Amino acid sequence: MTVLRTFLAVFFVLAGLGSVVSAVRQGELFDLVVAVALFAIAIAVWPRKRQSSA
């Protein structure tokens, strides 16, 4: 499951970078908003280390 979450996070990061490039090239504010949303999804999906309760 961790590998799948990592691949999903990497996908959303790359999609966010593509949106940033598109926003810079075309000057679209909407693409920049989409990029921020994609980065937020990537942060939420990124696997975290579990804290032990010991």
C-alpha atoms as a PDB file:
ATOM      1  CA  MET A   1       0.000   0.000   0.000  1.00  0.00           C
ATOM      2  CA  THR A   2       2.881   2.349   0.725  1.00  0.00           C
ATOM      3  CA  VAL A   3       4.280   1.933  -2.790  1.00  0.00           C
ATOM      4  CA  LEU A   4       0.910   2.795  -4.308  1.00  0.00           C
ATOM      5  CA  ARG A   5       0.609   5.917  -2.151  1.00  0.00           C
ATOM      6  CA  THR A   6       4.136   6.954  -3.122  1.00  0.00           C
ATOM      7  CA  PHE A   7       3.373   6.561  -6.829  1.00  0.00           C
ATOM      8  CA  LEU A   8       0.161   8.555  -6.429  1.00  0.00           C
ATOM      9  CA  ALA A   9       1.994  11.329  -4.597  1.00  0.00           C
ATOM     10  CA  VAL A  10       4.722  11.465  -7.256  1.00  0.00           C
ATOM     11  CA  PHE A  11       2.046  11.593  -9.960  1.00  0.00           C
ATOM     12  CA  PHE A  12       0.327  14.555  -8.293  1.00  0.00           C
ATOM     13  CA  VAL A  13       3.648  16.362  -7.795  1.00  0.00           C
ATOM     14  CA  LEU A  14       4.529  15.940 -11.478  1.00  0.00           C
ATOM     15  CA  ALA A  15       1.036  17.062 -12.515  1.00  0.00           C
ATOM     16  CA  GLY A  16       1.427  20.097 -10.250  1.00  0.00           C
ATOM     17  CA  LEU A  17       4.749  20.951 -11.840  1.00  0.00           C
ATOM     18  CA  GLY A  18       3.134  20.697 -15.264  1.00  0.00           C
ATOM     19  CA  SER A  19       0.411  23.075 -14.157  1.00  0.00           C
ATOM     20  CA  VAL A  20       2.990  25.550 -12.859  1.00  0.00           C
ATOM     21  CA  VAL A  21       4.813  25.470 -16.201  1.00  0.00           C
ATOM     22  CA  SER A  22       1.504  25.962 -18.009  1.00  0.00           C
ATOM     23  CA  ALA A  23       0.580  28.857 -15.726  1.00  0.00           C
ATOM     24  CA  VAL A  24       3.913  30.583 -16.321  1.00  0.00           C
ATOM     25  CA  ARG A  25       3.773  30.112 -20.087  1.00  0.00           C
ATOM     26  CA  GLN A  26       0.175  31.176 -20.602  1.00  0.00           C
ATOM     27  CA  GLY A  27      -0.256  33.534 -17.667  1.00  0.00           C
ATOM     28  CA  GLU A  28      -3.347  31.671 -16.445  1.00  0.00           C
ATOM     29  CA  LEU A  29      -4.272  32.085 -12.801  1.00  0.00           C
ATOM     30  CA  PHE A  30      -6.531  29.026 -12.975  1.00  0.00           C
ATOM     31  CA  ASP A  31      -3.570  26.769 -13.811  1.00  0.00           C
ATOM     32  CA  LEU A  32      -1.739  28.098 -10.771  1.00  0.00           C
ATOM     33  CA  VAL A  33      -4.741  27.330  -8.551  1.00  0.00           C
ATOM     34  CA  VAL A  34      -4.885  23.807  -9.999  1.00  0.00           C
ATOM     35  CA  ALA A  35      -1.172  23.383  -9.301  1.00  0.00           C
ATOM     36  CA  VAL A  36      -1.638  24.344  -5.645  1.00  0.00           C
ATOM     37  CA  ALA A  37      -4.544  21.896  -5.367  1.00  0.00           C
ATOM     38  CA  LEU A  38      -2.455  19.104  -6.905  1.00  0.00           C
ATOM     39  CA  PHE A  39       0.409  19.787  -4.495  1.00  0.00           C
ATOM     40  CA  ALA A  40      -2.058  19.698  -1.586  1.00  0.00           C
ATOM     41  CA  ILE A  41      -3.349  16.312  -2.754  1.00  0.00           C
ATOM     42  CA  ALA A  42       0.225  15.043  -3.059  1.00  0.00           C
ATOM     43  CA  ILE A  43       0.976  16.116   0.514  1.00  0.00           C
ATOM     44  CA  ALA A  44      -2.186  14.413   1.766  1.00  0.00           C
ATOM     45  CA  VAL A  45      -1.417  11.154  -0.072  1.00  0.00           C
ATOM     46  CA  TRP A  46       2.297  11.039   0.797  1.00  0.00           C
ATOM     47  CA  PRO A  47       2.959   8.069   3.114  1.00  0.00           C
ATOM     48  CA  ARG A  48       4.026   8.964   6.642  1.00  0.00           C
ATOM     49  CA  LYS A  49       5.934   6.995   9.181  1.00  0.00           C
ATOM     50  CA  ARG A  50       3.677   5.571  11.842  1.00  0.00           C
ATOM     51  CA  GLN A  51       4.422   6.553  15.399  1.00  0.00           C
ATOM     52  CA  SER A  52       4.688   3.673  17.767  1.00  0.00           C
ATOM     53  CA  SER A  53       2.523   3.791  20.869  1.00  0.00           C
ATOM     54  CA  ALA A  54       5.276   2.327  23.052  1.00  0.00           C
END
